[in-house]
């Protein structure tokens, strides 16, 4: 499980170069999903996207739904606090996470 960290912006990188940004208390994250993986995991940053692997098959948005439930646990929020802005049925997606209680280490804050 991820360490608890305070949700603050990353000061040394311009916003357009990051895989995430803050919109008030909502975290907006660009995701590159990997469905049908061996395990659910938050991976490395690739360009302006965060790799997230999930075990669910990419069928009718089920992998994204599974990803939302997995990320809800990682960020300490209920699944209803995570919204797919776009890409529900695509590996490229953007998620909005309302009031995350903690941030995984990859956020570097």
N, C-alpha and C. Protein backbone atom coordinates (compact mmCIF):
# COMPACT_ATOMS: atom_id res chain seq x y z
N UNK A 1 0.83 -1.17 0.00
CA UNK A 1 0.00 0.00 0.00
C UNK A 1 0.88 1.24 0.00
N UNK A 2 0.41 2.32 -0.59
CA UNK A 2 1.19 3.54 -0.72
C UNK A 2 1.31 4.25 0.62
N UNK A 3 2.43 4.96 0.76
CA UNK A 3 2.64 5.77 1.96
C UNK A 3 1.70 6.96 1.93
N UNK A 4 1.30 7.42 3.10
CA UNK A 4 0.48 8.62 3.19
C UNK A 4 1.35 9.83 2.95
N UNK A 5 0.96 10.68 2.04
CA UNK A 5 1.70 11.90 1.75
C UNK A 5 0.69 13.02 1.61
N UNK A 6 1.13 14.21 1.89
CA UNK A 6 0.22 15.34 1.75
C UNK A 6 0.05 15.67 0.27
N UNK A 7 -1.17 15.89 -0.18
CA UNK A 7 -1.40 16.19 -1.59
C UNK A 7 -1.05 17.64 -1.91
N UNK A 8 0.16 17.85 -2.44
CA UNK A 8 0.60 19.18 -2.85
C UNK A 8 1.20 19.10 -4.24
N UNK A 9 1.16 20.19 -4.99
CA UNK A 9 1.70 20.18 -6.34
C UNK A 9 3.22 19.99 -6.35
N UNK A 10 3.72 19.47 -7.45
CA UNK A 10 5.16 19.29 -7.63
C UNK A 10 5.74 20.62 -8.12
N UNK A 11 6.60 21.28 -7.32
CA UNK A 11 7.02 22.64 -7.64
C UNK A 11 8.06 22.78 -8.74
N UNK A 12 8.90 21.78 -9.00
CA UNK A 12 10.02 21.97 -9.90
C UNK A 12 9.78 21.58 -11.35
N UNK A 13 8.58 21.15 -11.71
CA UNK A 13 8.29 20.81 -13.10
C UNK A 13 7.10 21.63 -13.58
N UNK A 14 7.17 22.17 -14.79
CA UNK A 14 6.01 22.89 -15.32
C UNK A 14 4.79 21.97 -15.41
N UNK A 15 3.62 22.50 -15.19
CA UNK A 15 2.39 21.71 -15.18
C UNK A 15 2.19 20.93 -16.48
N UNK A 16 2.57 21.50 -17.62
CA UNK A 16 2.35 20.82 -18.89
C UNK A 16 3.27 19.62 -19.09
N UNK A 17 4.32 19.47 -18.28
CA UNK A 17 5.25 18.34 -18.40
C UNK A 17 4.92 17.21 -17.44
N UNK A 18 3.94 17.37 -16.60
CA UNK A 18 3.63 16.36 -15.60
C UNK A 18 2.50 15.46 -16.06
N UNK A 19 2.38 14.32 -15.43
CA UNK A 19 1.30 13.38 -15.73
C UNK A 19 0.08 13.68 -14.88
N UNK A 20 0.18 14.65 -13.98
CA UNK A 20 -0.95 15.02 -13.14
C UNK A 20 -0.96 16.52 -12.91
N UNK A 21 -2.11 16.99 -12.46
CA UNK A 21 -2.25 18.40 -12.06
C UNK A 21 -3.34 18.48 -11.01
N UNK A 22 -3.36 19.58 -10.29
CA UNK A 22 -4.39 19.80 -9.29
C UNK A 22 -5.40 20.79 -9.82
N UNK A 23 -6.67 20.51 -9.57
CA UNK A 23 -7.77 21.41 -9.86
C UNK A 23 -8.47 21.64 -8.52
N UNK A 24 -7.96 22.58 -7.75
CA UNK A 24 -8.43 22.75 -6.37
C UNK A 24 -7.97 21.56 -5.55
N UNK A 25 -8.92 20.84 -4.96
CA UNK A 25 -8.58 19.64 -4.17
C UNK A 25 -8.76 18.36 -4.98
N UNK A 26 -9.01 18.50 -6.27
CA UNK A 26 -9.18 17.34 -7.16
C UNK A 26 -7.89 17.09 -7.93
N UNK A 27 -7.42 15.86 -7.88
CA UNK A 27 -6.23 15.44 -8.61
C UNK A 27 -6.65 14.93 -9.99
N UNK A 28 -6.06 15.47 -11.04
CA UNK A 28 -6.35 15.06 -12.41
C UNK A 28 -5.12 14.30 -12.91
N UNK A 29 -5.32 13.02 -13.29
CA UNK A 29 -4.20 12.15 -13.65
C UNK A 29 -4.40 11.59 -15.05
N UNK A 30 -3.34 11.68 -15.87
CA UNK A 30 -3.34 11.06 -17.19
C UNK A 30 -2.79 9.64 -17.03
N UNK A 31 -3.54 8.67 -17.53
CA UNK A 31 -3.24 7.26 -17.34
C UNK A 31 -2.98 6.57 -18.67
N UNK A 32 -1.99 5.68 -18.67
CA UNK A 32 -1.81 4.73 -19.76
C UNK A 32 -2.09 3.37 -19.14
N UNK A 33 -3.24 2.80 -19.43
CA UNK A 33 -3.67 1.56 -18.81
C UNK A 33 -3.12 0.32 -19.49
N UNK A 34 -2.94 -0.71 -18.69
CA UNK A 34 -2.54 -2.01 -19.23
C UNK A 34 -3.53 -3.04 -18.68
N UNK A 35 -4.54 -3.40 -19.46
CA UNK A 35 -5.52 -4.38 -19.00
C UNK A 35 -4.96 -5.80 -19.11
N UNK A 36 -5.65 -6.73 -18.48
CA UNK A 36 -5.30 -8.16 -18.52
C UNK A 36 -3.86 -8.41 -18.05
N UNK A 37 -3.41 -7.66 -17.06
CA UNK A 37 -2.06 -7.82 -16.52
C UNK A 37 -2.06 -8.93 -15.46
N UNK A 38 -0.88 -9.30 -15.01
CA UNK A 38 -0.75 -10.33 -13.97
C UNK A 38 -1.24 -9.84 -12.61
N UNK A 39 -1.05 -8.53 -12.36
CA UNK A 39 -1.47 -7.97 -11.08
C UNK A 39 -1.88 -6.52 -11.25
N UNK A 40 -2.64 -6.04 -10.29
CA UNK A 40 -2.99 -4.63 -10.25
C UNK A 40 -1.78 -3.89 -9.70
N UNK A 41 -1.34 -2.86 -10.41
CA UNK A 41 -0.15 -2.14 -9.96
C UNK A 41 -0.08 -0.75 -10.58
N UNK A 42 0.46 0.17 -9.80
CA UNK A 42 0.80 1.49 -10.31
C UNK A 42 2.25 1.40 -10.74
N UNK A 43 2.50 1.75 -12.00
CA UNK A 43 3.85 1.63 -12.55
C UNK A 43 4.59 2.94 -12.59
N UNK A 44 5.44 3.05 -13.58
CA UNK A 44 6.28 4.23 -13.76
C UNK A 44 5.57 5.26 -14.62
N UNK A 45 6.13 6.45 -14.63
CA UNK A 45 5.65 7.52 -15.49
C UNK A 45 6.28 7.34 -16.86
N UNK A 46 5.44 7.43 -17.89
CA UNK A 46 5.91 7.37 -19.28
C UNK A 46 5.46 8.65 -19.96
N UNK A 47 6.39 9.55 -20.14
CA UNK A 47 6.05 10.84 -20.74
C UNK A 47 5.11 11.60 -19.83
N UNK A 48 3.92 11.86 -20.32
CA UNK A 48 2.91 12.60 -19.55
C UNK A 48 1.80 11.69 -19.05
N UNK A 49 2.10 10.38 -18.92
CA UNK A 49 1.10 9.42 -18.45
C UNK A 49 1.69 8.52 -17.37
N UNK A 50 0.82 8.09 -16.47
CA UNK A 50 1.19 7.14 -15.44
C UNK A 50 0.71 5.76 -15.87
N UNK A 51 1.61 4.79 -15.86
CA UNK A 51 1.24 3.42 -16.21
C UNK A 51 0.47 2.80 -15.04
N UNK A 52 -0.69 2.23 -15.34
CA UNK A 52 -1.48 1.51 -14.33
C UNK A 52 -1.92 0.20 -14.96
N UNK A 53 -1.52 -0.91 -14.34
CA UNK A 53 -1.88 -2.25 -14.81
C UNK A 53 -3.02 -2.80 -13.97
N UNK A 54 -3.95 -3.47 -14.63
CA UNK A 54 -5.05 -4.12 -13.92
C UNK A 54 -5.27 -5.51 -14.49
N UNK A 55 -5.81 -6.38 -13.66
CA UNK A 55 -6.02 -7.77 -14.06
C UNK A 55 -7.27 -7.96 -14.92
N UNK A 56 -8.18 -7.02 -14.91
CA UNK A 56 -9.43 -7.14 -15.65
C UNK A 56 -9.20 -7.09 -17.16
N UNK A 57 -10.03 -7.83 -17.88
CA UNK A 57 -9.96 -7.85 -19.35
C UNK A 57 -10.55 -6.56 -19.92
N UNK A 58 -10.05 -6.12 -21.07
CA UNK A 58 -10.54 -4.89 -21.68
C UNK A 58 -11.84 -5.13 -22.45
N UNK A 59 -12.91 -5.30 -21.73
CA UNK A 59 -14.19 -5.59 -22.37
C UNK A 59 -15.28 -4.68 -21.79
N UNK A 60 -15.88 -3.87 -22.65
CA UNK A 60 -17.01 -3.01 -22.28
C UNK A 60 -16.72 -2.10 -21.09
N UNK A 61 -15.49 -1.61 -20.99
CA UNK A 61 -15.14 -0.69 -19.91
C UNK A 61 -14.86 -1.35 -18.57
N UNK A 62 -14.87 -2.68 -18.52
CA UNK A 62 -14.66 -3.38 -17.25
C UNK A 62 -13.26 -3.14 -16.68
N UNK A 63 -12.25 -3.03 -17.54
CA UNK A 63 -10.89 -2.78 -17.06
C UNK A 63 -10.81 -1.42 -16.38
N UNK A 64 -11.47 -0.42 -16.95
CA UNK A 64 -11.48 0.91 -16.33
C UNK A 64 -12.23 0.88 -15.01
N UNK A 65 -13.36 0.20 -14.97
CA UNK A 65 -14.12 0.08 -13.72
C UNK A 65 -13.28 -0.58 -12.63
N UNK A 66 -12.54 -1.63 -13.02
CA UNK A 66 -11.66 -2.33 -12.08
C UNK A 66 -10.53 -1.39 -11.64
N UNK A 67 -9.98 -0.61 -12.58
CA UNK A 67 -8.92 0.34 -12.27
C UNK A 67 -9.40 1.38 -11.27
N UNK A 68 -10.61 1.85 -11.44
CA UNK A 68 -11.17 2.85 -10.51
C UNK A 68 -11.24 2.26 -9.10
N UNK A 69 -11.72 1.03 -8.97
CA UNK A 69 -11.80 0.40 -7.64
C UNK A 69 -10.41 0.21 -7.04
N UNK A 70 -9.44 -0.22 -7.85
CA UNK A 70 -8.06 -0.39 -7.39
C UNK A 70 -7.47 0.95 -6.94
N UNK A 71 -7.61 1.98 -7.78
CA UNK A 71 -7.03 3.28 -7.44
C UNK A 71 -7.73 3.92 -6.24
N UNK A 72 -9.00 3.64 -6.07
CA UNK A 72 -9.71 4.18 -4.90
C UNK A 72 -9.03 3.71 -3.62
N UNK A 73 -8.66 2.45 -3.57
CA UNK A 73 -7.94 1.93 -2.39
C UNK A 73 -6.58 2.60 -2.23
N UNK A 74 -5.88 2.78 -3.34
CA UNK A 74 -4.54 3.37 -3.30
C UNK A 74 -4.56 4.84 -2.85
N UNK A 75 -5.59 5.57 -3.23
CA UNK A 75 -5.68 6.99 -2.89
C UNK A 75 -6.52 7.24 -1.64
N UNK A 76 -7.10 6.19 -1.07
CA UNK A 76 -7.88 6.34 0.15
C UNK A 76 -9.19 7.08 -0.03
N UNK A 77 -9.85 6.82 -1.15
CA UNK A 77 -11.14 7.45 -1.44
C UNK A 77 -12.16 6.38 -1.83
N UNK A 78 -13.44 6.69 -1.76
CA UNK A 78 -14.43 5.75 -2.27
C UNK A 78 -14.40 5.76 -3.81
N UNK A 79 -14.76 4.65 -4.45
CA UNK A 79 -14.76 4.62 -5.92
C UNK A 79 -15.57 5.75 -6.56
N UNK A 80 -16.62 6.19 -5.90
CA UNK A 80 -17.44 7.27 -6.45
C UNK A 80 -16.69 8.60 -6.53
N UNK A 81 -15.54 8.71 -5.85
CA UNK A 81 -14.74 9.94 -5.88
C UNK A 81 -13.83 10.00 -7.10
N UNK A 82 -13.83 8.94 -7.92
CA UNK A 82 -12.99 8.90 -9.12
C UNK A 82 -13.88 8.89 -10.35
N UNK A 83 -13.61 9.82 -11.24
CA UNK A 83 -14.39 9.96 -12.47
C UNK A 83 -13.47 9.86 -13.68
N UNK A 84 -13.88 9.10 -14.68
CA UNK A 84 -13.14 9.04 -15.94
C UNK A 84 -13.60 10.22 -16.80
N UNK A 85 -12.69 11.16 -17.05
CA UNK A 85 -13.00 12.32 -17.89
C UNK A 85 -13.13 11.86 -19.34
N UNK A 86 -12.16 11.05 -19.77
CA UNK A 86 -12.22 10.45 -21.10
C UNK A 86 -11.44 9.14 -21.08
N UNK A 87 -11.68 8.28 -22.06
CA UNK A 87 -10.92 7.05 -22.23
C UNK A 87 -11.45 5.85 -21.48
N UNK A 88 -12.72 5.84 -21.12
CA UNK A 88 -13.25 4.70 -20.37
C UNK A 88 -13.03 3.38 -21.11
N UNK A 89 -13.10 3.42 -22.44
CA UNK A 89 -12.90 2.20 -23.22
C UNK A 89 -11.64 2.30 -24.08
N UNK A 90 -10.60 2.92 -23.51
CA UNK A 90 -9.34 3.11 -24.22
C UNK A 90 -8.22 3.02 -23.19
N UNK A 91 -7.02 2.66 -23.62
CA UNK A 91 -5.89 2.60 -22.69
C UNK A 91 -5.44 3.99 -22.26
N UNK A 92 -5.67 5.00 -23.09
CA UNK A 92 -5.35 6.38 -22.75
C UNK A 92 -6.56 7.01 -22.09
N UNK A 93 -6.38 7.44 -20.85
CA UNK A 93 -7.52 7.99 -20.12
C UNK A 93 -7.08 9.08 -19.18
N UNK A 94 -8.04 9.85 -18.73
CA UNK A 94 -7.79 10.86 -17.71
C UNK A 94 -8.81 10.65 -16.60
N UNK A 95 -8.31 10.61 -15.37
CA UNK A 95 -9.17 10.41 -14.20
C UNK A 95 -9.10 11.62 -13.30
N UNK A 96 -10.21 11.94 -12.67
CA UNK A 96 -10.29 12.99 -11.64
C UNK A 96 -10.54 12.29 -10.31
N UNK A 97 -9.69 12.57 -9.33
CA UNK A 97 -9.78 11.95 -8.01
C UNK A 97 -10.04 13.05 -7.00
N UNK A 98 -11.23 13.05 -6.43
CA UNK A 98 -11.63 14.09 -5.50
C UNK A 98 -11.04 13.85 -4.11
N UNK A 99 -10.37 14.85 -3.58
CA UNK A 99 -9.83 14.85 -2.22
C UNK A 99 -9.07 13.58 -1.85
N UNK A 100 -8.00 13.23 -2.57
CA UNK A 100 -7.25 12.02 -2.21
C UNK A 100 -6.69 12.13 -0.79
N UNK A 101 -6.83 11.07 -0.02
CA UNK A 101 -6.33 11.04 1.35
C UNK A 101 -4.82 10.79 1.38
N UNK A 102 -4.31 10.11 0.35
CA UNK A 102 -2.87 9.83 0.25
C UNK A 102 -2.49 9.71 -1.22
N UNK A 103 -1.18 9.84 -1.47
CA UNK A 103 -0.66 9.75 -2.82
C UNK A 103 0.39 8.65 -2.90
N UNK A 104 0.35 7.82 -3.93
CA UNK A 104 1.41 6.83 -4.13
C UNK A 104 2.76 7.53 -4.32
N UNK A 105 3.82 6.82 -4.04
CA UNK A 105 5.18 7.37 -4.11
C UNK A 105 5.53 7.99 -5.46
N UNK A 106 4.99 7.47 -6.53
CA UNK A 106 5.32 7.95 -7.88
C UNK A 106 4.98 9.44 -8.05
N UNK A 107 4.12 9.98 -7.20
CA UNK A 107 3.76 11.39 -7.28
C UNK A 107 4.85 12.28 -6.72
N UNK A 108 5.79 11.70 -5.99
CA UNK A 108 6.97 12.42 -5.53
C UNK A 108 6.74 13.64 -4.69
N UNK A 109 5.65 13.67 -3.97
CA UNK A 109 5.37 14.86 -3.13
C UNK A 109 5.60 14.55 -1.68
